[in-house]
Amino acid sequence: MRHERRGGVIRAAWAARAAVACAVAVLCGCDLRPSVTVYASADESVARPVFERFERETGIRVDAKFDTEATKTTGLANALRAERERPRADVFWSNEMAANVALAAEGVTQRLPESALPRAVTEGHPAAWRAADGAWLALAGRARVLVYVPGRVEPPAPTWTALLATRWKGRIAMADPRFGTTRGHFGAMKAYWDANALPGYFEAFAEGLAENRPIILTSGNAGVVDAVARGEADVGLTDTDDVIAAQARGLKVDMVFPRHAHDAAREGGGTYVIANTVAAVAGCPHPAQAAAFIRWFASEGVERQLAEMPARHAPLAWPAREGDLSVTDPLRVDPAAAAAASDAAVEAFLGFVRESGKGDG
């Protein structure tokens, strides 16, 4: 009888302690759910609905870290490098491929063990949109395009080298190539032309572009579209989602999808596609939650959600549907080669910009 009373007292004490803990959590606004920390370079307007759906479907809270429009992807990638000895993030969701490819090569991100992320998840993903070792997965992409205002200028020819025409001198807008998709695209250009044209082809393009005195903006690709819409430039290097967003705001802009190969019949020489990629941070604090997020993110449902958002990302890993943004002839370039070429491509272009500026005197 005495043991029963003692057991009852202990159970009552634990119940009271649990009640106090719950009350403290409510008063403090604490969230006791398991959590995953995701560094995301995707626009917050794109990422938030995805995170909210993940939370509803899994019960895992997402603690998100974003970056600025001008430096996103590059800024977050550098943060992950700085934190590699004591990682704070579990997952890196990059809105382009080059950063996650580079981070995997550096060991900042890594494939999770099969006990956490079954090999079937990665090997079941289309080979064109995953790392061979499963270190990252890609899906749902935007395209790299030229924006212009119909009626104000003739549409630019659908090749990147058309930007070298003298009619565009002083009338080209672009984002700072040290960051974001401009950086990744320059790397892809150099890697593709080095392999399919000849060494030095990208450098010749970069020199010609610099001689046309482009307006380099710190406001990112969205700022490029706005500059063209305002008439500060006639043509701009940007991404499909920024043009689509501007059109939704009523701006009278349109876009062309330039090729990298001059031969229109050459397969794989078309438009550069910027896929979303997701990877686990090496030594992340919550590997089980990171694996849960990656498994969930790689699903058809997430790609469909991204395809149906106002930004209209093109389906890549799963079948497209009528009305989806489609890139009929994507550029085929080795992601690792593109990532490795980014530094040299950006440095070459900026060097030509500096040299071009010296001629003003």
Foldseek 3Di string as FASTA:
>chain_A
DVVVVVVVVVVVVVVVVVVVVVVVCVVVVHDPFAEAEEEEAPPCVLVVVVQVVLCVVPVYHYHYDYDAQLARPVVVLVVLVVCQVPDAHFKYKYQFQLSLLVCVVVQQFAADDCVQANPCLQVVFPPLAADPRRQKGWWFWWWKWKKFFPPVDDAQPQALLSLLDLVQQQFEEEEQCVHDPNLLVLLQLQQCCVVPPHHPPLLVSLLSNLLSPYHYDSNHQLVRNVCNLVVSHGMYTHIQLSVLVVVVVVRRMDIHFHFHDPPPPDAQRTIAIGIIMMGTGVPYPCSNVSSVVRSVCSDPVNSVSSCPPSSRGATDRDDDDPPGDDDPGHHDGDSSSSSVRSVVSSVSSVVSNVVSVVVVD
